[in-house]
Amino acid sequence: MKNSWQLQKAKAQFSDFLDAALKKGPQIVTRRGIAEAVLVPIGQWRRLQSQSRPNIKELLLGHGPRFDDIAPKRGAWKRRPTVDLANPDIQ
């Protein structure tokens, strides 16, 4: 089963290259004998993409950065004096 294509051949016979990917699975493209890329069917690509992204539950429960001091310390800011709205002239 052939799953490796030279770049020139893949370009020249792209229709056959695509058919091979759809029927036989991922097809490797080589340039000067070195594997450079892979053509995969769209269904397999979408499955791989969905598996590689964590969902919200995994993000929240997983290992990662934690923030201990999100809120600033209280009392560090100067407070304005309160005003009695019923008697605004009295302080």
Protein backbone atom coordinates (compact mmCIF):
# COMPACT_ATOMS: atom_id res chain seq x y z
CA MET A 1 0.00 0.00 0.00
CA LYS A 2 1.56 3.26 -1.16
CA ASN A 3 1.12 6.20 1.19
CA SER A 4 4.10 8.34 0.26
CA TRP A 5 4.17 10.69 -2.72
CA GLN A 6 6.97 12.83 -4.10
CA LEU A 7 5.91 16.48 -4.30
CA GLN A 8 6.14 16.65 -8.09
CA LYS A 9 4.02 13.52 -8.52
CA ALA A 10 1.44 14.69 -5.95
CA LYS A 11 1.08 18.00 -7.81
CA ALA A 12 0.87 16.36 -11.23
CA GLN A 13 -1.62 13.69 -10.13
CA PHE A 14 -3.50 15.58 -7.42
CA SER A 15 -6.81 13.87 -8.20
CA ASP A 16 -5.21 10.44 -7.68
CA PHE A 17 -3.42 11.77 -4.60
CA LEU A 18 -6.75 12.95 -3.13
CA ASP A 19 -8.52 9.70 -4.02
CA ALA A 20 -5.77 7.72 -2.29
CA ALA A 21 -6.20 9.81 0.86
CA LEU A 22 -9.96 9.26 0.84
CA LYS A 23 -9.75 5.51 0.20
CA LYS A 24 -6.52 4.44 1.92
CA GLY A 25 -6.05 7.04 4.65
CA PRO A 26 -3.38 9.67 5.22
CA GLN A 27 -0.91 10.25 2.39
CA ILE A 28 2.58 11.65 3.01
CA VAL A 29 4.19 14.23 0.72
CA THR A 30 7.97 14.13 0.46
CA ARG A 31 10.42 16.70 -0.88
CA ARG A 32 13.91 15.45 -1.69
CA GLY A 33 13.14 12.27 0.25
CA ILE A 34 12.11 14.08 3.44
CA ALA A 35 8.51 13.84 4.70
CA GLU A 36 7.08 17.39 4.64
CA ALA A 37 3.28 17.18 4.84
CA VAL A 38 0.31 14.83 5.15
CA LEU A 39 -3.03 14.86 3.33
CA VAL A 40 -5.83 13.43 5.48
CA PRO A 41 -9.59 13.11 4.85
CA ILE A 42 -11.63 15.94 6.37
CA GLY A 43 -13.47 13.65 8.80
CA GLN A 44 -10.21 12.45 10.29
CA TRP A 45 -8.89 16.03 10.44
CA ARG A 46 -11.96 17.23 12.35
CA ARG A 47 -11.70 14.31 14.76
CA LEU A 48 -8.04 15.08 15.42
CA GLN A 49 -8.81 18.77 15.95
CA SER A 50 -11.61 18.09 18.43
CA GLN A 51 -9.43 15.66 20.38
CA SER A 52 -6.56 18.13 20.64
CA ARG A 53 -8.64 20.94 22.20
CA PRO A 54 -9.55 20.63 25.88
CA ASN A 55 -13.13 21.39 26.87
CA ILE A 56 -14.02 23.89 29.60
CA LYS A 57 -14.18 21.22 32.31
CA GLU A 58 -10.67 20.00 31.48
CA LEU A 59 -9.38 23.57 31.48
CA LEU A 60 -10.86 24.39 34.87
CA LEU A 61 -9.90 21.13 36.57
CA GLY A 62 -6.59 20.55 34.82
CA HIS A 63 -3.11 21.59 35.77
CA GLY A 64 -2.28 25.13 34.90
CA PRO A 65 -1.62 28.55 36.29
CA ARG A 66 -3.48 29.39 39.46
CA PHE A 67 -3.96 32.87 40.83
CA ASP A 68 -3.85 33.14 44.60
CA ASP A 69 -4.04 36.93 44.91
CA ILE A 70 -6.62 38.03 42.40
CA ALA A 71 -8.28 40.67 44.62
CA PRO A 72 -6.18 43.52 46.04
CA LYS A 73 -5.68 43.76 49.78
CA ARG A 74 -8.42 45.72 51.56
CA GLY A 75 -7.66 48.85 53.49
CA ALA A 76 -4.80 50.01 51.33
CA TRP A 77 -6.88 52.74 49.70
CA LYS A 78 -7.95 55.95 51.39
CA ARG A 79 -11.67 56.20 51.80
CA ARG A 80 -13.74 59.31 51.23
CA PRO A 81 -15.78 60.54 54.19
CA THR A 82 -19.39 59.44 54.16
CA VAL A 83 -22.13 61.99 53.58
CA ASP A 84 -25.53 61.88 55.24
CA LEU A 85 -27.93 62.32 52.33
CA ALA A 86 -30.70 63.57 54.63
CA ASN A 87 -28.41 66.34 55.98
CA PRO A 88 -25.64 66.91 53.41
CA ASP A 89 -24.29 69.97 55.26
CA ILE A 90 -23.42 67.97 58.39
CA GLN A 91 -20.19 66.02 58.30
